[in-house]
């Protein structure tokens, strides 16, 4: 199948391209800076910015073309399916507007070019009793809605925290676990999540192309375990070779919590703020229908963490302790 991958330089996209090639697909990637992208053999490269219509050009694989609308290139390349993995959260506080605009540009171009299917990786999470989704999660859902308006079949995969080297959410978890053996935390340490290994996310993304029944559907994907963020921090600390004492307190607001995380970790503040705001929302799979269409052997959590941190930490006791006196705060 002739496939386009947007966001090919990102955490997921960079892993997806080789697996699509291995599955026998003809792959084209869309990147903003072709000079900074080392294309695997046989991959065509489109350069352009979805915030700048008319900026697109083919720079590898079949000669070069001047800047032009994206739909013309997609039609010329006869793209059958496309992955939308664009996310501008690292670009600053206006990420929601940027993502909305980029998704609209892409949806219009893909529809005009006659692309049959678009696959989007969105986020788990539903608004609970305490309020609406965070800005980050609401933006992910808004992008999904924009893409759903295109003239093609949209397949949406919703995932929570993706465990892997280079992922912003897991990097935040890893650095907190590594640097703070005793952690005073807000209530979000008791929020449930269902982390999934990045390799399993990629397997689902590749697999839906061979599962026609997934066209036009929305599916939730997650790993083999449901646990709290506090337990995830403890598991990560254990794989790093130590123990973690978690002390939850009710007085840390999301704003104060994000400042604290920014001080402790090297993750960009523009990324920390929206991620922390979303930690109050449970991210657990409620419907595992995807497993009927795409069989994936899920990676055990400890193995996923170990692979992500690049080591084989020696477990010490059970990883996390939460003092009983504060567990009900």
Protein backbone atom coordinates (compact mmCIF):
# COMPACT_ATOMS: atom_id res chain seq x y z
CA UNK A 1 0.00 0.00 0.00
CA UNK A 2 1.21 3.55 -0.74
CA UNK A 3 1.37 5.23 2.67
CA UNK A 4 2.16 8.73 3.92
CA UNK A 5 3.51 9.30 7.45
CA UNK A 6 3.30 12.78 8.92
CA UNK A 7 5.33 13.49 12.05
CA UNK A 8 7.94 11.01 10.85
CA UNK A 9 10.69 12.56 12.99
CA UNK A 10 8.69 12.20 16.21
CA UNK A 11 8.65 9.70 19.05
CA UNK A 12 6.12 7.37 17.39
CA UNK A 13 6.58 8.30 13.73
CA UNK A 14 10.30 7.56 13.70
CA UNK A 15 9.54 4.02 14.89
CA UNK A 16 6.55 3.56 12.60
CA UNK A 17 8.33 4.17 9.28
CA UNK A 18 10.74 1.18 9.54
CA UNK A 19 7.90 -1.14 10.54
CA UNK A 20 5.76 -0.04 7.59
CA UNK A 21 8.70 -0.74 5.28
CA UNK A 22 9.19 -4.15 6.87
CA UNK A 23 5.50 -4.88 6.24
CA UNK A 24 6.01 -4.21 2.54
CA UNK A 25 4.38 -0.80 2.23
CA UNK A 26 5.55 1.99 -0.10
CA UNK A 27 6.31 4.87 2.30
CA UNK A 28 6.41 8.65 1.86
CA UNK A 29 7.08 10.92 4.84
CA UNK A 30 6.13 14.54 5.45
CA UNK A 31 8.64 16.54 7.48
CA UNK A 32 9.20 20.24 8.08
CA UNK A 33 12.96 20.10 7.57
CA UNK A 34 14.17 17.54 5.06
CA UNK A 35 17.84 18.39 5.72
CA UNK A 36 17.46 17.21 9.31
CA UNK A 37 15.79 13.94 8.35
CA UNK A 38 17.81 10.87 7.39
CA UNK A 39 15.41 8.93 5.20
CA UNK A 40 15.62 5.13 5.20
CA UNK A 41 16.33 3.57 1.82
CA UNK A 42 13.34 3.66 -0.48
CA UNK A 43 11.43 6.36 1.42
CA UNK A 44 10.21 9.44 -0.44
CA UNK A 45 10.42 12.72 1.45
CA UNK A 46 7.97 15.60 1.30
CA UNK A 47 8.99 18.84 2.97
CA UNK A 48 6.48 21.41 4.14
CA UNK A 49 4.61 22.99 7.01
CA UNK A 50 0.92 22.29 7.55
CA UNK A 51 0.60 25.83 8.90
CA UNK A 52 1.80 27.17 5.56
CA UNK A 53 -0.38 25.93 2.67
CA UNK A 54 1.55 25.85 -0.58
CA UNK A 55 4.89 25.17 1.13
CA UNK A 56 5.15 21.52 0.14
CA UNK A 57 7.72 20.00 -2.18
CA UNK A 58 9.09 16.59 -3.02
CA UNK A 59 12.78 16.53 -2.15
CA UNK A 60 13.74 12.87 -2.48
CA UNK A 61 12.76 9.74 -4.33
CA UNK A 62 11.56 11.23 -7.62
CA UNK A 63 13.38 14.48 -8.23
CA UNK A 64 12.43 17.85 -6.74
CA UNK A 65 9.37 20.02 -7.13
CA UNK A 66 8.76 23.67 -6.17
CA UNK A 67 6.47 24.57 -3.29
CA UNK A 68 2.83 23.73 -3.99
CA UNK A 69 -0.39 22.64 -2.25
CA UNK A 70 -0.19 19.32 -0.42
CA UNK A 71 -3.15 17.76 -2.22
CA UNK A 72 -1.39 17.96 -5.59
CA UNK A 73 1.58 16.00 -4.30
CA UNK A 74 -0.56 13.40 -2.53
CA UNK A 75 -2.53 12.91 -5.72
CA UNK A 76 0.61 12.69 -7.85
CA UNK A 77 2.07 10.08 -5.51
CA UNK A 78 -1.27 8.23 -5.44
CA UNK A 79 -1.23 8.00 -1.62
CA UNK A 80 -3.80 5.46 -0.43
CA UNK A 81 -3.45 5.78 3.35
CA UNK A 82 -1.95 8.39 5.65
CA UNK A 83 -0.92 8.53 9.30
CA UNK A 84 -1.52 11.79 11.13
CA UNK A 85 1.00 12.04 13.98
CA UNK A 86 1.47 15.82 14.10
CA UNK A 87 1.47 17.49 17.52
CA UNK A 88 2.77 20.98 18.26
CA UNK A 89 2.68 20.95 22.07
CA UNK A 90 6.42 21.62 22.19
CA UNK A 91 5.88 24.79 20.16
CA UNK A 92 4.33 26.73 23.05
CA UNK A 93 1.08 27.69 24.75
CA UNK A 94 -0.85 28.19 21.49
CA UNK A 95 -0.49 24.50 20.62
CA UNK A 96 -4.26 23.90 20.51
CA UNK A 97 -4.82 26.53 17.83
CA UNK A 98 -1.81 25.36 15.85
CA UNK A 99 -2.95 21.74 15.99
CA UNK A 100 -6.48 22.69 14.93
CA UNK A 101 -5.18 24.62 11.93
CA UNK A 102 -2.71 21.93 10.88
CA UNK A 103 -5.34 19.19 11.12
CA UNK A 104 -7.73 21.23 8.99
CA UNK A 105 -5.09 21.75 6.30
CA UNK A 106 -4.28 18.06 6.24
CA UNK A 107 -7.90 16.89 6.22
CA UNK A 108 -8.75 19.11 3.28
CA UNK A 109 -5.66 18.04 1.30
CA UNK A 110 -6.12 14.32 1.99
CA UNK A 111 -9.76 14.46 0.98
CA UNK A 112 -9.07 16.43 -2.21
CA UNK A 113 -6.29 14.00 -3.18
CA UNK A 114 -8.53 10.96 -2.88
CA UNK A 115 -6.73 9.34 0.08
CA UNK A 116 -8.81 6.34 1.16
CA UNK A 117 -7.82 6.09 4.83
CA UNK A 118 -6.31 8.26 7.52
CA UNK A 119 -5.02 6.81 10.80
CA UNK A 120 -4.78 9.12 13.81
CA UNK A 121 -3.17 8.48 17.19
CA UNK A 122 -5.16 10.37 19.80
CA UNK A 123 -5.51 10.27 23.58
CA UNK A 124 -7.50 8.25 26.09
CA UNK A 125 -9.55 10.01 28.71
CA UNK A 126 -13.10 11.17 29.29
CA UNK A 127 -14.37 14.15 31.26
CA UNK A 128 -15.17 13.07 34.81
CA UNK A 129 -17.22 14.38 37.70
CA UNK A 130 -14.65 17.02 38.61
CA UNK A 131 -14.73 18.84 35.30
CA UNK A 132 -13.81 18.86 31.65
CA UNK A 133 -10.78 17.40 29.95
CA UNK A 134 -7.49 19.26 30.29
CA UNK A 135 -6.50 21.59 27.47
CA UNK A 136 -4.08 18.99 26.14
CA UNK A 137 -6.59 16.13 26.08
CA UNK A 138 -9.35 18.40 24.75
CA UNK A 139 -7.03 19.46 21.92
CA UNK A 140 -6.32 15.82 21.04
CA UNK A 141 -10.07 15.22 20.85
CA UNK A 142 -10.59 18.37 18.80
CA UNK A 143 -7.97 17.27 16.26
CA UNK A 144 -9.78 13.94 16.04
CA UNK A 145 -13.03 15.76 15.27
CA UNK A 146 -11.39 17.92 12.59
CA UNK A 147 -9.87 14.88 10.91
CA UNK A 148 -13.21 13.06 11.08
CA UNK A 149 -14.67 15.75 8.83
CA UNK A 150 -12.45 14.74 5.89
CA UNK A 151 -13.59 12.78 2.85
CA UNK A 152 -11.89 9.48 3.76
CA UNK A 153 -12.27 6.72 6.33
CA UNK A 154 -10.68 7.79 9.62
CA UNK A 155 -9.30 5.20 12.02
CA UNK A 156 -8.55 6.63 15.46
CA UNK A 157 -6.44 4.85 18.05
CA UNK A 158 -6.62 6.40 21.52
CA UNK A 159 -3.71 5.71 23.86
CA UNK A 160 -2.72 6.91 27.30
CA UNK A 161 0.86 7.15 28.52
CA UNK A 162 3.21 5.60 25.98
CA UNK A 163 6.32 4.03 27.51
CA UNK A 164 9.45 4.49 25.45
CA UNK A 165 12.72 6.37 25.18
CA UNK A 166 12.02 9.87 23.90
CA UNK A 167 8.36 10.11 24.87
CA UNK A 168 7.67 13.30 26.83
CA UNK A 169 5.20 11.73 29.29
CA UNK A 170 7.41 8.79 30.17
CA UNK A 171 10.51 10.99 30.29
CA UNK A 172 8.77 13.07 32.94
CA UNK A 173 7.94 9.89 34.91
CA UNK A 174 11.47 8.52 34.52
CA UNK A 175 13.20 11.67 35.71
CA UNK A 176 10.89 12.07 38.70
CA UNK A 177 11.47 8.44 39.71
CA UNK A 178 15.20 8.76 39.19
CA UNK A 179 15.79 12.02 41.02
CA UNK A 180 13.33 11.89 43.94
CA UNK A 181 13.50 8.82 46.21
CA UNK A 182 10.96 10.61 48.44
CA UNK A 183 8.20 12.39 46.55
CA UNK A 184 5.57 14.78 47.95
CA UNK A 185 2.88 14.71 45.31
CA UNK A 186 -0.63 15.94 44.56
CA UNK A 187 -3.69 13.73 44.25
CA UNK A 188 -2.90 12.71 40.68
CA UNK A 189 -0.59 9.97 41.99
CA UNK A 190 -3.78 8.01 42.68
CA UNK A 191 -5.21 8.49 39.19
CA UNK A 192 -5.39 5.26 37.22
CA UNK A 193 -3.59 4.80 33.92
CA UNK A 194 -2.89 1.97 31.48
CA UNK A 195 0.60 2.55 30.04
CA UNK A 196 1.46 0.92 26.73
CA UNK A 197 4.87 0.19 25.22
CA UNK A 198 5.68 2.28 22.16
CA UNK A 199 6.44 -0.92 20.23
CA UNK A 200 2.86 -2.08 20.85
CA UNK A 201 1.45 1.27 19.72
CA UNK A 202 3.40 0.93 16.48
CA UNK A 203 2.17 -2.65 16.05
CA UNK A 204 -1.44 -1.45 16.31
CA UNK A 205 -0.78 1.41 13.88
CA UNK A 206 0.69 -0.95 11.30
CA UNK A 207 -1.93 -3.61 11.94
CA UNK A 208 -5.00 -1.49 11.22
CA UNK A 209 -3.98 -1.16 7.56
CA UNK A 210 -4.57 -4.90 7.15
CA UNK A 211 -7.83 -4.81 9.09
CA UNK A 212 -10.53 -3.30 6.82
CA UNK A 213 -13.08 -3.49 9.63
CA UNK A 214 -11.17 -0.77 11.51
CA UNK A 215 -11.79 1.79 8.75
CA UNK A 216 -14.03 4.53 10.12
CA UNK A 217 -13.72 3.28 13.71
CA UNK A 218 -12.38 4.63 17.00
CA UNK A 219 -10.47 2.19 19.20
CA UNK A 220 -8.77 2.34 22.60
CA UNK A 221 -5.36 0.78 23.11
CA UNK A 222 -3.48 0.11 26.34
CA UNK A 223 -0.95 -2.16 27.96
CA UNK A 224 -1.60 -5.30 30.02
CA UNK A 225 -1.89 -3.53 33.41
CA UNK A 226 -3.98 -0.81 35.04
CA UNK A 227 -2.24 0.99 37.89
CA UNK A 228 -1.96 4.43 39.48
CA UNK A 229 0.63 7.00 38.50
CA UNK A 230 2.15 6.56 41.93
CA UNK A 231 2.57 2.85 41.28
CA UNK A 232 4.03 3.60 37.85
CA UNK A 233 6.58 5.93 39.44
CA UNK A 234 7.45 3.18 41.91
CA UNK A 235 7.82 0.54 39.20
CA UNK A 236 10.08 2.86 37.26
CA UNK A 237 12.17 3.59 40.35
CA UNK A 238 12.45 -0.15 40.99
CA UNK A 239 13.74 -0.77 37.46
CA UNK A 240 16.30 1.96 38.14
CA UNK A 241 17.45 0.00 41.18
CA UNK A 242 15.82 1.73 44.15
CA UNK A 243 12.70 2.34 46.20
CA UNK A 244 10.30 5.26 46.13
CA UNK A 245 8.35 6.80 49.01
CA UNK A 246 5.28 8.67 47.74
CA UNK A 247 3.54 11.15 50.08
CA UNK A 248 0.33 12.47 48.46
CA UNK A 249 -0.92 15.85 49.73
CA UNK A 250 -4.09 17.71 48.72
CA UNK A 251 -2.58 21.21 48.63
CA UNK A 252 -0.57 20.99 45.40
CA UNK A 253 -2.66 22.52 42.61
CA UNK A 254 -1.95 21.55 38.99
CA UNK A 255 -0.15 24.86 38.58
CA UNK A 256 2.10 24.32 41.60
CA UNK A 257 2.59 20.69 40.60
CA UNK A 258 3.74 21.63 37.10
CA UNK A 259 6.22 24.15 38.54
CA UNK A 260 7.55 21.46 40.83
CA UNK A 261 7.92 18.98 37.95
CA UNK A 262 9.65 21.66 35.86
CA UNK A 263 12.20 22.26 38.64
CA UNK A 264 12.93 18.56 39.08
CA UNK A 265 13.05 17.43 35.45
CA UNK A 266 14.59 18.62 32.18
CA UNK A 267 11.30 18.33 30.27
CA UNK A 268 10.35 21.62 28.60
CA UNK A 269 7.92 23.73 30.68
CA UNK A 270 5.66 24.11 27.63
CA UNK A 271 5.28 20.32 27.65
CA UNK A 272 5.10 19.81 31.43
CA UNK A 273 2.16 22.17 32.04
CA UNK A 274 -0.39 20.50 29.73
CA UNK A 275 0.80 17.01 30.63
CA UNK A 276 0.47 17.58 34.37
CA UNK A 277 -2.95 19.16 33.91
CA UNK A 278 -4.09 15.95 32.24
CA UNK A 279 -2.91 13.63 35.02
CA UNK A 280 -6.14 14.07 36.96
CA UNK A 281 -8.03 12.27 34.17
CA UNK A 282 -8.03 8.45 34.31
CA UNK A 283 -6.61 6.99 31.10
CA UNK A 284 -7.87 3.43 31.09
CA UNK A 285 -9.19 1.37 28.20
CA UNK A 286 -12.94 0.90 28.48
CA UNK A 287 -13.41 -1.09 25.28
CA UNK A 288 -10.77 -3.46 23.93
CA UNK A 289 -12.55 -4.19 20.64
CA UNK A 290 -9.32 -3.44 18.75
CA UNK A 291 -7.98 -6.82 19.88
CA UNK A 292 -10.62 -8.55 17.75
CA UNK A 293 -9.16 -6.94 14.64
CA UNK A 294 -5.44 -6.50 15.38
CA UNK A 295 -3.87 -9.20 17.59
CA UNK A 296 -0.89 -7.71 19.43
CA UNK A 297 1.05 -9.56 22.13
CA UNK A 298 1.30 -6.82 24.73
CA UNK A 299 4.66 -6.06 26.30
CA UNK A 300 4.77 -6.54 30.11
CA UNK A 301 5.09 -3.20 31.90
CA UNK A 302 8.43 -3.99 33.54
CA UNK A 303 9.89 -4.99 30.17
CA UNK A 304 8.57 -1.81 28.57
CA UNK A 305 10.09 0.34 31.31
CA UNK A 306 13.38 -1.54 31.20
CA UNK A 307 13.62 -1.09 27.44
CA UNK A 308 12.76 2.61 27.72
CA UNK A 309 15.42 3.36 30.34
CA UNK A 310 17.99 1.20 28.58
CA UNK A 311 18.93 -0.83 31.62
CA UNK A 312 18.06 -3.82 33.75
CA UNK A 313 17.65 -2.27 37.17
CA UNK A 314 17.67 -4.60 40.16
CA UNK A 315 14.23 -4.68 41.85
CA UNK A 316 14.26 -3.73 45.52
CA UNK A 317 11.20 -4.85 47.52
CA UNK A 318 7.89 -3.79 45.96
CA UNK A 319 8.91 -0.43 44.54
CA UNK A 320 6.46 2.07 46.04
CA UNK A 321 5.25 2.88 49.51
CA UNK A 322 2.40 5.27 50.28
CA UNK A 323 2.06 6.15 53.99
CA UNK A 324 -1.37 5.15 55.31
CA UNK A 325 -1.79 8.46 57.06
CA UNK A 326 -1.87 10.35 53.76
CA UNK A 327 -3.39 7.76 51.44
CA UNK A 328 -6.91 9.11 51.89
CA UNK A 329 -6.16 12.79 51.24
